[in-house]
Amino acid sequence: MASGGKKTKIEDPANEDLKAESPEGEPTMEDQHTMFLPTDVTLKVEGKLFHLNKKRLSEKSPVFKAMFESDFEEKHAEVIPLPGKKFKEFEMFLSSFYFPNLIRPITEETVLDILPLADEYQVEYVNSTCAFRLLEMVIKAKKNHIDAKTFLRWLHYAEHYNLTSVLSIAPISGREYTILSLKNAGVDEQISAELKMKILEERCKLMDPFFEGFFENICSWNTLHPWNKEKLAAEKIENILVHAYDNIPMIKNNANAIESLTRIGEDFSLETLKKHVRKQASKPEFQQTNATKSDPSNLFGTSFIAPFFGTKAQPTIVRSISRSPCPFGKK
């Protein structure tokens, strides 16, 4: 296998964890001499013929090499049928390695058609190029507004063909999708339980800044003076919600979450919260691209916030919380 081609690095500027390098082994000038080799084998796909050279195919594919040199019936056949193959896909596959001067790049539109053939015929350069292209696609999925269904399809191929470079980066890219969008896209059918768990673990990490601020504020309530508790509790709850809104993408980019936070801001006169939410909701890109909706009512519904503001229904909640010892050891 010829090598020596320079590596090309790609990365997502927004995330230092997402980087990739192109494969080595691109065809060299020496391969150009095969351009005019005589044809001595014919492959038949969907009734159409490919007139090719055994030596060239054998150099690139150990599967073709075994077919032509071992005691298979194809060894002496003038025309070798390839049942189950699609003509267009096989043509794209050959175009990715057979004639160096006429090589077509493997693109986002063709990679999933070429990858299965590259794996079946063990064409190393094509297989690694497909892996690199798919890795690039996964890294830039969210930036390019790729829907969850398409993203999971990519991961399905990566798992099926054991593309370790893609699988290693998949959880970091996958955490940008909401749990509901992944579920609706068939996550349980498309990828393994192990990969799904890794994606969920990465999503949980996005919540860390919110919960750190949440627990810190909760623990500080026991220092409040009794006559000021309700007012300060309202301010602290507002700070927590604003903190969550500013730091957690699945809240900030979700229409239902924004609607709930707007309602909370109106009901309890939380001016800072309303200002943050209205600013995001007024952005054209949010109005155009927001298509994923979940039900955050259990997290940010009025039933969550009302008890902390001394409502008539439960006026003792704030008092009981402020008197409770902090479970995290802060005084």
C-alpha atoms as a PDB file:
ATOM      1  CA  MET A   1       0.000   0.000   0.000  1.00  0.00           C
ATOM      2  CA  ALA A   2       1.500   3.290  -1.066  1.00  0.00           C
ATOM      3  CA  SER A   3       1.902   5.867   1.638  1.00  0.00           C
ATOM      4  CA  GLY A   4       3.607   9.137   2.265  1.00  0.00           C
ATOM      5  CA  GLY A   5       0.732  11.497   1.651  1.00  0.00           C
ATOM      6  CA  LYS A   6       0.545  14.396   4.075  1.00  0.00           C
ATOM      7  CA  LYS A   7      -2.029  14.311   6.811  1.00  0.00           C
ATOM      8  CA  THR A   8      -4.732  16.952   6.916  1.00  0.00           C
ATOM      9  CA  LYS A   9      -6.075  18.008  10.297  1.00  0.00           C
ATOM     10  CA  ILE A  10      -9.665  19.065  10.879  1.00  0.00           C
ATOM     11  CA  GLU A  11     -11.252  20.279  14.066  1.00  0.00           C
ATOM     12  CA  ASP A  12     -14.216  22.106  15.463  1.00  0.00           C
ATOM     13  CA  PRO A  13     -12.999  25.500  16.717  1.00  0.00           C
ATOM     14  CA  ALA A  14     -15.780  25.528  19.304  1.00  0.00           C
ATOM     15  CA  ASN A  15     -14.656  22.297  20.924  1.00  0.00           C
ATOM     16  CA  GLU A  16     -11.034  21.327  21.518  1.00  0.00           C
ATOM     17  CA  ASP A  17     -12.081  17.707  22.084  1.00  0.00           C
ATOM     18  CA  LEU A  18     -13.198  17.357  18.466  1.00  0.00           C
ATOM     19  CA  LYS A  19     -10.197  16.855  16.201  1.00  0.00           C
ATOM     20  CA  ALA A  20      -9.286  14.479  13.407  1.00  0.00           C
ATOM     21  CA  GLU A  21      -6.512  13.806  10.935  1.00  0.00           C
ATOM     22  CA  SER A  22      -6.865  12.575   7.389  1.00  0.00           C
ATOM     23  CA  PRO A  23      -5.561   9.095   6.531  1.00  0.00           C
ATOM     24  CA  GLU A  24      -2.246   8.417   4.890  1.00  0.00           C
ATOM     25  CA  GLY A  25      -1.863   6.198   1.872  1.00  0.00           C
ATOM     26  CA  GLU A  26      -3.177   8.374  -0.946  1.00  0.00           C
ATOM     27  CA  PRO A  27      -2.346   7.070  -4.438  1.00  0.00           C
ATOM     28  CA  THR A  28       1.067   8.230  -5.680  1.00  0.00           C
ATOM     29  CA  MET A  29       2.532   9.000  -9.108  1.00  0.00           C
ATOM     30  CA  GLU A  30       3.561   5.360  -9.437  1.00  0.00           C
ATOM     31  CA  ASP A  31      -0.099   4.369  -9.566  1.00  0.00           C
ATOM     32  CA  GLN A  32      -0.583   6.420 -12.709  1.00  0.00           C
ATOM     33  CA  HIS A  33       1.225   3.758 -14.757  1.00  0.00           C
ATOM     34  CA  THR A  34      -1.785   1.496 -14.234  1.00  0.00           C
ATOM     35  CA  MET A  35      -3.926   3.930 -16.193  1.00  0.00           C
ATOM     36  CA  PHE A  36      -3.363   2.066 -19.462  1.00  0.00           C
ATOM     37  CA  LEU A  37      -3.089  -1.520 -18.254  1.00  0.00           C
ATOM     38  CA  PRO A  38      -4.934  -3.996 -20.459  1.00  0.00           C
ATOM     39  CA  THR A  39      -8.313  -5.238 -19.283  1.00  0.00           C
ATOM     40  CA  ASP A  40      -8.314  -8.935 -18.511  1.00  0.00           C
ATOM     41  CA  VAL A  41     -11.344  -9.323 -16.254  1.00  0.00           C
ATOM     42  CA  THR A  42     -14.976  -8.265 -16.527  1.00  0.00           C
ATOM     43  CA  LEU A  43     -17.231  -7.703 -13.528  1.00  0.00           C
ATOM     44  CA  LYS A  44     -20.988  -7.769 -14.029  1.00  0.00           C
ATOM     45  CA  VAL A  45     -23.194  -5.676 -11.755  1.00  0.00           C
ATOM     46  CA  GLU A  46     -26.934  -5.355 -12.373  1.00  0.00           C
ATOM     47  CA  GLY A  47     -26.434  -6.511 -15.955  1.00  0.00           C
ATOM     48  CA  LYS A  48     -23.786  -3.864 -16.703  1.00  0.00           C
ATOM     49  CA  LEU A  49     -20.102  -4.615 -17.294  1.00  0.00           C
ATOM     50  CA  PHE A  50     -16.896  -3.211 -15.814  1.00  0.00           C
ATOM     51  CA  HIS A  51     -13.793  -4.069 -17.906  1.00  0.00           C
ATOM     52  CA  LEU A  52     -10.885  -3.990 -15.467  1.00  0.00           C
ATOM     53  CA  ASN A  53      -7.365  -5.220 -14.766  1.00  0.00           C
ATOM     54  CA  LYS A  54      -6.761  -8.110 -12.368  1.00  0.00           C
ATOM     55  CA  LYS A  55      -3.361  -6.854 -11.244  1.00  0.00           C
ATOM     56  CA  ARG A  56      -4.675  -3.433 -10.333  1.00  0.00           C
ATOM     57  CA  LEU A  57      -7.605  -4.865  -8.382  1.00  0.00           C
ATOM     58  CA  SER A  58      -5.360  -7.418  -6.647  1.00  0.00           C
ATOM     59  CA  GLU A  59      -2.899  -4.728  -5.549  1.00  0.00           C
ATOM     60  CA  LYS A  60      -5.617  -2.763  -3.814  1.00  0.00           C
ATOM     61  CA  SER A  61      -7.891  -5.538  -2.554  1.00  0.00           C
ATOM     62  CA  PRO A  62      -6.855  -8.831  -0.907  1.00  0.00           C
ATOM     63  CA  VAL A  63     -10.372 -10.082  -1.603  1.00  0.00           C
ATOM     64  CA  PHE A  64      -9.979  -9.595  -5.346  1.00  0.00           C
ATOM     65  CA  LYS A  65      -6.484 -11.058  -5.100  1.00  0.00           C
ATOM     66  CA  ALA A  66      -7.863 -14.236  -3.520  1.00  0.00           C
ATOM     67  CA  MET A  67     -10.661 -14.351  -6.108  1.00  0.00           C
ATOM     68  CA  PHE A  68      -8.206 -14.251  -9.017  1.00  0.00           C
ATOM     69  CA  GLU A  69      -5.418 -16.427  -7.599  1.00  0.00           C
ATOM     70  CA  SER A  70      -7.151 -19.065  -5.474  1.00  0.00           C
ATOM     71  CA  ASP A  71      -9.103 -22.070  -6.698  1.00  0.00           C
ATOM     72  CA  PHE A  72     -12.378 -20.219  -6.994  1.00  0.00           C
ATOM     73  CA  GLU A  73     -14.517 -20.614 -10.076  1.00  0.00           C
ATOM     74  CA  GLU A  74     -14.109 -16.885 -10.738  1.00  0.00           C
ATOM     75  CA  LYS A  75     -10.403 -17.477 -11.454  1.00  0.00           C
ATOM     76  CA  HIS A  76     -11.071 -18.699 -14.991  1.00  0.00           C
ATOM     77  CA  ALA A  77     -14.405 -16.991 -15.666  1.00  0.00           C
ATOM     78  CA  GLU A  78     -14.522 -14.435 -18.469  1.00  0.00           C
ATOM     79  CA  VAL A  79     -17.313 -12.536 -16.787  1.00  0.00           C
ATOM     80  CA  ILE A  80     -17.666 -12.499 -13.004  1.00  0.00           C
ATOM     81  CA  PRO A  81     -21.150 -11.604 -11.736  1.00  0.00           C
ATOM     82  CA  LEU A  82     -21.411  -9.746  -8.438  1.00  0.00           C
ATOM     83  CA  PRO A  83     -24.948 -10.426  -7.205  1.00  0.00           C
ATOM     84  CA  GLY A  84     -26.451  -8.160  -4.588  1.00  0.00           C
ATOM     85  CA  LYS A  85     -24.378  -5.165  -5.664  1.00  0.00           C
ATOM     86  CA  LYS A  86     -25.765  -1.911  -7.043  1.00  0.00           C
ATOM     87  CA  PHE A  87     -24.198  -0.601 -10.256  1.00  0.00           C
ATOM     88  CA  LYS A  88     -24.115   3.046  -9.181  1.00  0.00           C
ATOM     89  CA  GLU A  89     -22.596   2.240  -5.790  1.00  0.00           C
ATOM     90  CA  PHE A  90     -19.992  -0.102  -7.276  1.00  0.00           C
ATOM     91  CA  GLU A  91     -19.058   2.543  -9.839  1.00  0.00           C
ATOM     92  CA  MET A  92     -18.535   5.099  -7.042  1.00  0.00           C
ATOM     93  CA  PHE A  93     -16.454   2.531  -5.158  1.00  0.00           C
ATOM     94  CA  LEU A  94     -14.168   1.887  -8.158  1.00  0.00           C
ATOM     95  CA  SER A  95     -13.914   5.613  -8.808  1.00  0.00           C
ATOM     96  CA  SER A  96     -12.489   6.108  -5.321  1.00  0.00           C
ATOM     97  CA  PHE A  97      -9.288   4.133  -5.999  1.00  0.00           C
ATOM     98  CA  TYR A  98      -8.993   2.366  -9.384  1.00  0.00           C
ATOM     99  CA  PHE A  99      -7.750   5.183 -11.666  1.00  0.00           C
ATOM    100  CA  PRO A 100      -5.581   7.670  -9.712  1.00  0.00           C
ATOM    101  CA  ASN A 101      -6.016  10.423 -12.295  1.00  0.00           C
ATOM    102  CA  LEU A 102      -9.782  10.025 -12.241  1.00  0.00           C
ATOM    103  CA  ILE A 103     -10.357   9.492  -8.544  1.00  0.00           C
ATOM    104  CA  ARG A 104     -13.517  11.102  -7.250  1.00  0.00           C
ATOM    105  CA  PRO A 105     -13.488  12.422  -3.693  1.00  0.00           C
ATOM    106  CA  ILE A 106     -15.551  10.595  -1.103  1.00  0.00           C
ATOM    107  CA  THR A 107     -18.197  13.039   0.029  1.00  0.00           C
ATOM    108  CA  GLU A 108     -20.949  13.241   2.613  1.00  0.00           C
ATOM    109  CA  GLU A 109     -23.389  12.128  -0.092  1.00  0.00           C
ATOM    110  CA  THR A 110     -21.368   9.054  -1.164  1.00  0.00           C
ATOM    111  CA  VAL A 111     -19.528   7.840   1.929  1.00  0.00           C
ATOM    112  CA  LEU A 112     -22.299   5.575   3.240  1.00  0.00           C
ATOM    113  CA  ASP A 113     -22.599   3.900  -0.172  1.00  0.00           C
ATOM    114  CA  ILE A 114     -18.858   3.356  -0.570  1.00  0.00           C
ATOM    115  CA  LEU A 115     -18.002   2.283   2.987  1.00  0.00           C
ATOM    116  CA  PRO A 116     -19.737  -1.153   2.860  1.00  0.00           C
ATOM    117  CA  LEU A 117     -17.884  -2.059  -0.358  1.00  0.00           C
ATOM    118  CA  ALA A 118     -14.558  -0.762   0.950  1.00  0.00           C
ATOM    119  CA  ASP A 119     -15.031  -2.953   4.014  1.00  0.00           C
ATOM    120  CA  GLU A 120     -16.148  -6.027   2.037  1.00  0.00           C
ATOM    121  CA  TYR A 121     -13.246  -5.857  -0.424  1.00  0.00           C
ATOM    122  CA  GLN A 122     -10.782  -4.634   2.225  1.00  0.00           C
ATOM    123  CA  VAL A 123      -9.474  -1.672   0.248  1.00  0.00           C
ATOM    124  CA  GLU A 124      -7.509  -0.079   3.055  1.00  0.00           C
ATOM    125  CA  TYR A 125      -7.087   3.401   1.636  1.00  0.00           C
ATOM    126  CA  VAL A 126     -10.763   3.750   0.718  1.00  0.00           C
ATOM    127  CA  ASN A 127     -11.871   2.365   4.070  1.00  0.00           C
ATOM    128  CA  SER A 128      -9.699   4.805   6.019  1.00  0.00           C
ATOM    129  CA  THR A 129     -10.825   7.687   3.811  1.00  0.00           C
ATOM    130  CA  CYS A 130     -14.462   6.809   4.493  1.00  0.00           C
ATOM    131  CA  ALA A 131     -13.707   6.716   8.215  1.00  0.00           C
ATOM    132  CA  PHE A 132     -12.074  10.137   8.022  1.00  0.00           C
ATOM    133  CA  ARG A 133     -14.960  11.619   6.067  1.00  0.00           C
ATOM    134  CA  LEU A 134     -17.521  10.218   8.505  1.00  0.00           C
ATOM    135  CA  LEU A 135     -15.466  11.502  11.426  1.00  0.00           C
ATOM    136  CA  GLU A 136     -15.456  14.973   9.907  1.00  0.00           C
ATOM    137  CA  MET A 137     -19.225  14.802   9.451  1.00  0.00           C
ATOM    138  CA  VAL A 138     -19.833  13.708  13.053  1.00  0.00           C
ATOM    139  CA  ILE A 139     -17.581  16.438  14.442  1.00  0.00           C
ATOM    140  CA  LYS A 140     -19.433  19.158  12.549  1.00  0.00           C
ATOM    141  CA  ALA A 141     -22.921  17.641  12.856  1.00  0.00           C
ATOM    142  CA  LYS A 142     -24.469  20.198  15.204  1.00  0.00           C
ATOM    143  CA  LYS A 143     -22.738  23.136  13.547  1.00  0.00           C
ATOM    144  CA  ASN A 144     -24.174  22.025  10.197  1.00  0.00           C
ATOM    145  CA  HIS A 145     -27.675  21.573  11.693  1.00  0.00           C
ATOM    146  CA  ILE A 146     -27.768  17.819  11.079  1.00  0.00           C
ATOM    147  CA  ASP A 147     -30.943  16.265  12.455  1.00  0.00           C
ATOM    148  CA  ALA A 148     -30.801  13.516  15.080  1.00  0.00           C
ATOM    149  CA  LYS A 149     -32.022  10.799  12.693  1.00  0.00           C
ATOM    150  CA  THR A 150     -29.197  11.427  10.218  1.00  0.00           C
ATOM    151  CA  PHE A 151     -26.652  11.699  13.031  1.00  0.00           C
ATOM    152  CA  LEU A 152     -27.720   8.340  14.476  1.00  0.00           C
ATOM    153  CA  ARG A 153     -27.521   6.750  11.021  1.00  0.00           C
ATOM    154  CA  TRP A 154     -23.902   7.836  10.814  1.00  0.00           C
ATOM    155  CA  LEU A 155     -23.200   6.315  14.211  1.00  0.00           C
ATOM    156  CA  HIS A 156     -24.959   3.110  13.136  1.00  0.00           C
ATOM    157  CA  TYR A 157     -22.492   2.741  10.269  1.00  0.00           C
ATOM    158  CA  ALA A 158     -19.567   3.619  12.519  1.00  0.00           C
ATOM    159  CA  GLU A 159     -20.515   0.849  14.943  1.00  0.00           C
ATOM    160  CA  HIS A 160     -21.310  -1.703  12.240  1.00  0.00           C
ATOM    161  CA  TYR A 161     -17.926  -1.195  10.563  1.00  0.00           C
ATOM    162  CA  ASN A 162     -16.039  -0.609  13.811  1.00  0.00           C
ATOM    163  CA  LEU A 163     -14.748   2.858  12.974  1.00  0.00           C
ATOM    164  CA  THR A 164     -13.046   3.495  16.301  1.00  0.00           C
ATOM    165  CA  SER A 165     -12.017   7.061  15.481  1.00  0.00           C
ATOM    166  CA  VAL A 166     -15.660   7.993  14.880  1.00  0.00           C
ATOM    167  CA  LEU A 167     -16.940   6.106  17.919  1.00  0.00           C
ATOM    168  CA  SER A 168     -14.427   7.827  20.201  1.00  0.00           C
ATOM    169  CA  ILE A 169     -15.770  11.262  19.314  1.00  0.00           C
ATOM    170  CA  ALA A 170     -19.456  10.352  18.955  1.00  0.00           C
ATOM    171  CA  PRO A 171     -20.461  10.950  22.612  1.00  0.00           C
ATOM    172  CA  ILE A 172     -19.082  14.498  22.593  1.00  0.00           C
ATOM    173  CA  SER A 173     -20.949  15.361  19.404  1.00  0.00           C
ATOM    174  CA  GLY A 174     -24.045  13.438  20.457  1.00  0.00           C
ATOM    175  CA  ARG A 175     -24.483  15.336  23.707  1.00  0.00           C
ATOM    176  CA  GLU A 176     -25.669  18.369  21.730  1.00  0.00           C
ATOM    177  CA  TYR A 177     -28.914  16.561  20.851  1.00  0.00           C
ATOM    178  CA  THR A 178     -31.782  16.497  23.332  1.00  0.00           C
ATOM    179  CA  ILE A 179     -32.776  13.174  24.833  1.00  0.00           C
ATOM    180  CA  LEU A 180     -36.226  13.506  23.299  1.00  0.00           C
ATOM    181  CA  SER A 181     -34.863  14.149  19.795  1.00  0.00           C
ATOM    182  CA  LEU A 182     -32.611  11.079  20.043  1.00  0.00           C
ATOM    183  CA  LYS A 183     -35.499   8.968  21.289  1.00  0.00           C
ATOM    184  CA  ASN A 184     -37.793  10.139  18.497  1.00  0.00           C
ATOM    185  CA  ALA A 185     -35.044   9.385  15.974  1.00  0.00           C
ATOM    186  CA  GLY A 186     -34.876   5.748  17.106  1.00  0.00           C
ATOM    187  CA  VAL A 187     -31.724   5.795  19.204  1.00  0.00           C
ATOM    188  CA  ASP A 188     -32.466   2.363  20.703  1.00  0.00           C
ATOM    189  CA  GLU A 189     -32.676   0.759  17.259  1.00  0.00           C
ATOM    190  CA  GLN A 190     -29.791   2.633  15.622  1.00  0.00           C
ATOM    191  CA  ILE A 191     -26.935   2.338  18.114  1.00  0.00           C
ATOM    192  CA  SER A 192     -25.817   0.070  20.928  1.00  0.00           C
ATOM    193  CA  ALA A 193     -26.832   0.565  24.546  1.00  0.00           C
ATOM    194  CA  GLU A 194     -23.174   1.184  25.392  1.00  0.00           C
ATOM    195  CA  LEU A 195     -22.796   4.073  22.946  1.00  0.00           C
ATOM    196  CA  LYS A 196     -26.160   5.493  23.988  1.00  0.00           C
ATOM    197  CA  MET A 197     -25.009   5.492  27.626  1.00  0.00           C
ATOM    198  CA  LYS A 198     -21.798   7.323  26.721  1.00  0.00           C
ATOM    199  CA  ILE A 199     -23.811  10.031  24.963  1.00  0.00           C
ATOM    200  CA  LEU A 200     -26.118  10.394  27.969  1.00  0.00           C
ATOM    201  CA  GLU A 201     -23.113  10.656  30.292  1.00  0.00           C
ATOM    202  CA  GLU A 202     -21.753  13.514  28.187  1.00  0.00           C
ATOM    203  CA  ARG A 203     -25.155  15.233  28.296  1.00  0.00           C
ATOM    204  CA  CYS A 204     -25.129  14.985  32.082  1.00  0.00           C
ATOM    205  CA  LYS A 205     -21.827  16.858  32.146  1.00  0.00           C
ATOM    206  CA  LEU A 206     -23.590  19.816  30.524  1.00  0.00           C
ATOM    207  CA  MET A 207     -25.736  20.062  33.652  1.00  0.00           C
ATOM    208  CA  ASP A 208     -22.758  20.322  36.025  1.00  0.00           C
ATOM    209  CA  PRO A 209     -22.466  24.152  35.970  1.00  0.00           C
ATOM    210  CA  PHE A 210     -26.188  24.459  36.680  1.00  0.00           C
ATOM    211  CA  PHE A 211     -26.235  22.036  39.594  1.00  0.00           C
ATOM    212  CA  GLU A 212     -23.078  23.498  41.122  1.00  0.00           C
ATOM    213  CA  GLY A 213     -24.725  26.915  41.206  1.00  0.00           C
ATOM    214  CA  PHE A 214     -28.030  25.415  42.320  1.00  0.00           C
ATOM    215  CA  PHE A 215     -26.606  23.588  45.337  1.00  0.00           C
ATOM    216  CA  GLU A 216     -24.421  26.528  46.308  1.00  0.00           C
ATOM    217  CA  ASN A 217     -27.445  28.813  46.394  1.00  0.00           C
ATOM    218  CA  ILE A 218     -29.600  26.270  48.218  1.00  0.00           C
ATOM    219  CA  CYS A 219     -26.947  25.822  50.889  1.00  0.00           C
ATOM    220  CA  SER A 220     -26.607  29.562  51.463  1.00  0.00           C
ATOM    221  CA  TRP A 221     -30.291  29.999  52.375  1.00  0.00           C
ATOM    222  CA  ASN A 222     -29.709  29.122  56.015  1.00  0.00           C
ATOM    223  CA  THR A 223     -27.765  32.400  56.443  1.00  0.00           C
ATOM    224  CA  LEU A 224     -30.747  34.605  55.541  1.00  0.00           C
ATOM    225  CA  HIS A 225     -32.493  36.769  58.147  1.00  0.00           C
ATOM    226  CA  PRO A 226     -36.122  35.667  58.741  1.00  0.00           C
ATOM    227  CA  TRP A 227     -37.745  38.989  57.737  1.00  0.00           C
ATOM    228  CA  ASN A 228     -35.911  39.064  54.407  1.00  0.00           C
ATOM    229  CA  LYS A 229     -36.139  35.423  53.423  1.00  0.00           C
ATOM    230  CA  GLU A 230     -38.985  35.540  50.932  1.00  0.00           C
ATOM    231  CA  LYS A 231     -37.530  38.435  48.964  1.00  0.00           C
ATOM    232  CA  LEU A 232     -34.007  37.033  48.922  1.00  0.00           C
ATOM    233  CA  ALA A 233     -35.275  33.540  48.135  1.00  0.00           C
ATOM    234  CA  ALA A 234     -37.025  34.944  45.074  1.00  0.00           C
ATOM    235  CA  GLU A 235     -33.809  36.637  43.981  1.00  0.00           C
ATOM    236  CA  LYS A 236     -31.799  33.465  44.473  1.00  0.00           C
ATOM    237  CA  ILE A 237     -34.267  31.321  42.562  1.00  0.00           C
ATOM    238  CA  GLU A 238     -34.164  33.866  39.744  1.00  0.00           C
ATOM    239  CA  ASN A 239     -30.355  33.732  39.746  1.00  0.00           C
ATOM    240  CA  ILE A 240     -30.467  29.935  39.535  1.00  0.00           C
ATOM    241  CA  LEU A 241     -32.885  29.976  36.611  1.00  0.00           C
ATOM    242  CA  VAL A 242     -30.886  32.631  34.755  1.00  0.00           C
ATOM    243  CA  HIS A 243     -27.700  30.642  35.401  1.00  0.00           C
ATOM    244  CA  ALA A 244     -29.320  27.476  34.047  1.00  0.00           C
ATOM    245  CA  TYR A 245     -30.708  29.329  31.042  1.00  0.00           C
ATOM    246  CA  ASP A 246     -27.346  30.874  30.140  1.00  0.00           C
ATOM    247  CA  ASN A 247     -25.265  27.710  30.580  1.00  0.00           C
ATOM    248  CA  ILE A 248     -27.375  24.752  29.443  1.00  0.00           C
ATOM    249  CA  PRO A 249     -27.974  24.572  25.661  1.00  0.00           C
ATOM    250  CA  MET A 250     -30.862  22.108  25.937  1.00  0.00           C
ATOM    251  CA  ILE A 251     -32.768  24.763  27.941  1.00  0.00           C
ATOM    252  CA  LYS A 252     -31.677  27.842  26.007  1.00  0.00           C
ATOM    253  CA  ASN A 253     -32.430  26.329  22.592  1.00  0.00           C
ATOM    254  CA  ASN A 254     -35.729  24.685  23.482  1.00  0.00           C
ATOM    255  CA  ALA A 255     -39.014  26.428  22.694  1.00  0.00           C
ATOM    256  CA  ASN A 256     -40.946  24.718  25.479  1.00  0.00           C
ATOM    257  CA  ALA A 257     -38.311  25.647  28.064  1.00  0.00           C
ATOM    258  CA  ILE A 258     -38.371  29.284  26.947  1.00  0.00           C
ATOM    259  CA  GLU A 259     -42.160  29.318  27.135  1.00  0.00           C
ATOM    260  CA  SER A 260     -42.092  27.933  30.685  1.00  0.00           C
ATOM    261  CA  LEU A 261     -39.414  30.383  31.828  1.00  0.00           C
ATOM    262  CA  THR A 262     -41.356  33.266  30.283  1.00  0.00           C
ATOM    263  CA  ARG A 263     -44.461  32.209  32.196  1.00  0.00           C
ATOM    264  CA  ILE A 264     -42.493  31.963  35.440  1.00  0.00           C
ATOM    265  CA  GLY A 265     -40.987  35.410  34.865  1.00  0.00           C
ATOM    266  CA  GLU A 266     -44.427  36.915  34.292  1.00  0.00           C
ATOM    267  CA  ASP A 267     -46.103  35.146  37.213  1.00  0.00           C
ATOM    268  CA  PHE A 268     -43.464  36.148  39.758  1.00  0.00           C
ATOM    269  CA  SER A 269     -42.186  39.452  38.265  1.00  0.00           C
ATOM    270  CA  LEU A 270     -38.657  38.164  37.654  1.00  0.00           C
ATOM    271  CA  GLU A 271     -37.451  40.984  35.404  1.00  0.00           C
ATOM    272  CA  THR A 272     -33.895  39.719  34.844  1.00  0.00           C
ATOM    273  CA  LEU A 273     -35.141  36.283  33.824  1.00  0.00           C
ATOM    274  CA  LYS A 274     -37.697  37.793  31.441  1.00  0.00           C
ATOM    275  CA  LYS A 275     -35.022  39.968  29.853  1.00  0.00           C
ATOM    276  CA  HIS A 276     -32.724  36.980  29.185  1.00  0.00           C
ATOM    277  CA  VAL A 277     -35.491  34.813  27.777  1.00  0.00           C
ATOM    278  CA  ARG A 278     -37.002  37.490  25.538  1.00  0.00           C
ATOM    279  CA  LYS A 279     -33.612  38.273  24.041  1.00  0.00           C
ATOM    280  CA  GLN A 280     -33.117  34.663  22.949  1.00  0.00           C
ATOM    281  CA  ALA A 281     -36.699  34.193  21.755  1.00  0.00           C
ATOM    282  CA  SER A 282     -36.453  37.254  19.514  1.00  0.00           C
ATOM    283  CA  LYS A 283     -33.468  35.930  17.552  1.00  0.00           C
ATOM    284  CA  PRO A 284     -34.412  34.952  13.962  1.00  0.00           C
ATOM    285  CA  GLU A 285     -32.111  31.916  14.003  1.00  0.00           C
ATOM    286  CA  PHE A 286     -33.904  30.553  17.075  1.00  0.00           C
ATOM    287  CA  GLN A 287     -37.315  31.008  15.489  1.00  0.00           C
ATOM    288  CA  GLN A 288     -36.168  29.353  12.255  1.00  0.00           C
ATOM    289  CA  THR A 289     -34.118  26.416  13.530  1.00  0.00           C
ATOM    290  CA  ASN A 290     -35.952  25.419  16.699  1.00  0.00           C
ATOM    291  CA  ALA A 291     -37.806  22.256  15.828  1.00  0.00           C
ATOM    292  CA  THR A 292     -37.024  20.014  18.785  1.00  0.00           C
ATOM    293  CA  LYS A 293     -39.505  20.321  21.623  1.00  0.00           C
ATOM    294  CA  SER A 294     -39.561  18.573  24.958  1.00  0.00           C
ATOM    295  CA  ASP A 295     -41.669  18.982  28.043  1.00  0.00           C
ATOM    296  CA  PRO A 296     -39.641  20.759  30.721  1.00  0.00           C
ATOM    297  CA  SER A 297     -42.663  21.399  32.937  1.00  0.00           C
ATOM    298  CA  ASN A 298     -41.432  19.016  35.601  1.00  0.00           C
ATOM    299  CA  LEU A 299     -38.206  21.008  35.866  1.00  0.00           C
ATOM    300  CA  PHE A 300     -39.327  24.587  35.315  1.00  0.00           C
ATOM    301  CA  GLY A 301     -43.105  24.584  35.756  1.00  0.00           C
ATOM    302  CA  THR A 302     -44.890  26.969  38.075  1.00  0.00           C
ATOM    303  CA  SER A 303     -45.338  24.100  40.504  1.00  0.00           C
ATOM    304  CA  PHE A 304     -41.559  24.008  40.912  1.00  0.00           C
ATOM    305  CA  ILE A 305     -41.056  27.687  41.534  1.00  0.00           C
ATOM    306  CA  ALA A 306     -44.169  28.757  43.466  1.00  0.00           C
ATOM    307  CA  PRO A 307     -43.327  27.138  46.825  1.00  0.00           C
ATOM    308  CA  PHE A 308     -40.131  29.179  47.140  1.00  0.00           C
ATOM    309  CA  PHE A 309     -42.008  32.468  46.900  1.00  0.00           C
ATOM    310  CA  GLY A 310     -44.266  31.970  49.897  1.00  0.00           C
ATOM    311  CA  THR A 311     -47.542  31.317  48.064  1.00  0.00           C
ATOM    312  CA  LYS A 312     -50.689  30.702  50.058  1.00  0.00           C
ATOM    313  CA  ALA A 313     -50.690  27.061  49.051  1.00  0.00           C
ATOM    314  CA  GLN A 314     -47.353  26.311  50.705  1.00  0.00           C
ATOM    315  CA  PRO A 315     -46.083  29.301  52.689  1.00  0.00           C
ATOM    316  CA  THR A 316     -43.796  27.246  54.910  1.00  0.00           C
ATOM    317  CA  ILE A 317     -41.555  25.780  52.229  1.00  0.00           C
ATOM    318  CA  VAL A 318     -39.072  28.654  52.221  1.00  0.00           C
ATOM    319  CA  ARG A 319     -38.958  28.736  55.991  1.00  0.00           C
ATOM    320  CA  SER A 320     -38.390  24.989  56.254  1.00  0.00           C
ATOM    321  CA  ILE A 321     -35.631  25.045  53.658  1.00  0.00           C
ATOM    322  CA  SER A 322     -33.868  27.997  55.256  1.00  0.00           C
ATOM    323  CA  ARG A 323     -33.866  26.251  58.635  1.00  0.00           C
ATOM    324  CA  SER A 324     -32.634  22.934  57.238  1.00  0.00           C
ATOM    325  CA  PRO A 325     -28.936  22.089  57.639  1.00  0.00           C
ATOM    326  CA  CYS A 326     -26.987  22.177  54.378  1.00  0.00           C
ATOM    327  CA  PRO A 327     -26.439  18.604  53.137  1.00  0.00           C
ATOM    328  CA  PHE A 328     -23.123  19.616  51.585  1.00  0.00           C
ATOM    329  CA  GLY A 329     -21.466  20.863  54.747  1.00  0.00           C
ATOM    330  CA  LYS A 330     -21.620  24.610  54.063  1.00  0.00           C
ATOM    331  CA  LYS A 331     -22.665  26.984  56.804  1.00  0.00           C
END
